[in-house]
Amino acid sequence: MIGLVIDVVSGDLLIQGGALVLGETSQQTIEHIIRAGRGEFREEPLIGAEVARMRHGVESRLWCAAAKNMCRAAGVPVTRVSYEDESTIKVE
């Protein structure tokens, strides 16, 4: 997936040589979907895996399947989402 690249340090759009940078954005799209809450994306209000809720003990057994479906709906070809422990989410 090609799109506007976001700077990982500042969170702003990446600019090099006075121009916006286009590049591979699949990983940043997955990150935004997993971190977002429902309703944060105005165009797609049902996309948002709400990983912050898992930190507070609100965990669904179907979270991995829902996160995978959300990534696919955003156009990212994901085959599997799993969490290995409390701090590691694996996306394949």
Protein backbone atom coordinates (compact mmCIF):
# COMPACT_ATOMS: atom_id res chain seq x y z
CA MET A 1 0.00 0.00 0.00
CA ILE A 2 1.51 3.31 -1.10
CA GLY A 3 0.62 6.53 0.70
CA LEU A 4 1.90 9.48 2.69
CA VAL A 5 4.56 8.39 5.18
CA ILE A 6 4.36 9.57 8.78
CA ASP A 7 7.49 10.34 10.81
CA VAL A 8 7.76 7.77 13.60
CA VAL A 9 9.40 10.22 16.01
CA SER A 10 7.12 13.25 15.71
CA GLY A 11 3.94 11.71 14.29
CA ASP A 12 3.78 14.40 11.61
CA LEU A 13 3.84 13.91 7.87
CA LEU A 14 7.38 13.12 6.71
CA ILE A 15 8.91 15.87 4.57
CA GLN A 16 12.21 15.51 2.72
CA GLY A 17 13.61 18.13 0.40
CA GLY A 18 10.55 20.32 0.86
CA ALA A 19 8.11 17.67 -0.38
CA LEU A 20 5.87 15.07 1.22
CA VAL A 21 7.26 11.55 1.12
CA LEU A 22 5.31 8.74 -0.55
CA GLY A 23 6.14 5.18 0.42
CA GLU A 24 4.99 1.85 1.84
CA THR A 25 2.38 2.53 4.51
CA SER A 26 1.03 -0.91 5.41
CA GLN A 27 2.79 -1.03 8.80
CA GLN A 28 1.70 2.45 9.84
CA THR A 29 -1.88 1.70 8.73
CA ILE A 30 -1.91 -1.43 10.91
CA GLU A 31 -0.53 0.54 13.85
CA HIS A 32 -3.16 3.26 13.49
CA ILE A 33 -5.98 0.72 13.27
CA ILE A 34 -4.81 -1.20 16.33
CA ARG A 35 -4.31 1.95 18.43
CA ALA A 36 -7.49 3.76 17.33
CA GLY A 37 -10.76 3.68 19.16
CA ARG A 38 -14.08 3.13 17.44
CA GLY A 39 -15.29 6.31 15.80
CA GLU A 40 -11.88 7.99 15.47
CA PHE A 41 -11.95 7.58 11.70
CA ARG A 42 -14.91 9.64 10.58
CA GLU A 43 -15.19 7.91 7.20
CA GLU A 44 -15.14 4.41 8.75
CA PRO A 45 -16.60 4.66 12.28
CA LEU A 46 -16.43 0.92 12.99
CA ILE A 47 -12.66 0.66 12.40
CA GLY A 48 -10.59 0.86 15.56
CA ALA A 49 -9.29 -2.15 17.50
CA GLU A 50 -9.07 -0.21 20.80
CA VAL A 51 -5.90 -1.86 22.11
CA ALA A 52 -5.84 0.61 25.03
CA ARG A 53 -8.91 -1.09 26.48
CA MET A 54 -6.95 -4.35 26.71
CA ARG A 55 -4.41 -2.64 28.99
CA HIS A 56 -7.22 -1.92 31.43
CA GLY A 57 -8.47 -5.49 31.54
CA VAL A 58 -11.31 -5.25 29.00
CA GLU A 59 -10.33 -8.07 26.68
CA SER A 60 -12.41 -9.92 24.14
CA ARG A 61 -11.67 -13.46 22.98
CA LEU A 62 -12.52 -12.34 19.46
CA TRP A 63 -10.23 -9.27 19.50
CA CYS A 64 -7.63 -10.83 17.17
CA ALA A 65 -10.21 -11.78 14.55
CA ALA A 66 -11.84 -8.35 14.74
CA ALA A 67 -8.47 -6.58 14.38
CA LYS A 68 -7.61 -8.75 11.36
CA ASN A 69 -10.93 -7.91 9.70
CA MET A 70 -10.42 -4.20 10.36
CA CYS A 71 -6.97 -4.29 8.74
CA ARG A 72 -8.40 -6.11 5.73
CA ALA A 73 -11.20 -3.54 5.46
CA ALA A 74 -8.54 -0.81 5.30
CA GLY A 75 -6.85 -2.58 2.39
CA VAL A 76 -3.95 -4.22 4.20
CA PRO A 77 -3.55 -7.95 3.40
CA VAL A 78 -3.31 -9.49 6.88
CA THR A 79 -3.47 -13.25 7.44
CA ARG A 80 -3.18 -13.41 11.23
CA VAL A 81 -3.23 -11.19 14.32
CA SER A 82 -2.23 -12.60 17.69
CA TYR A 83 -0.91 -11.42 21.01
CA GLU A 84 1.87 -13.35 22.66
CA ASP A 85 1.87 -11.64 26.05
CA GLU A 86 0.63 -8.40 27.58
CA SER A 87 2.98 -6.22 25.53
CA THR A 88 3.44 -7.96 22.16
CA ILE A 89 0.96 -8.02 19.29
CA LYS A 90 2.03 -10.00 16.24
CA VAL A 91 0.58 -9.19 12.80
CA GLU A 92 1.36 -11.41 9.84
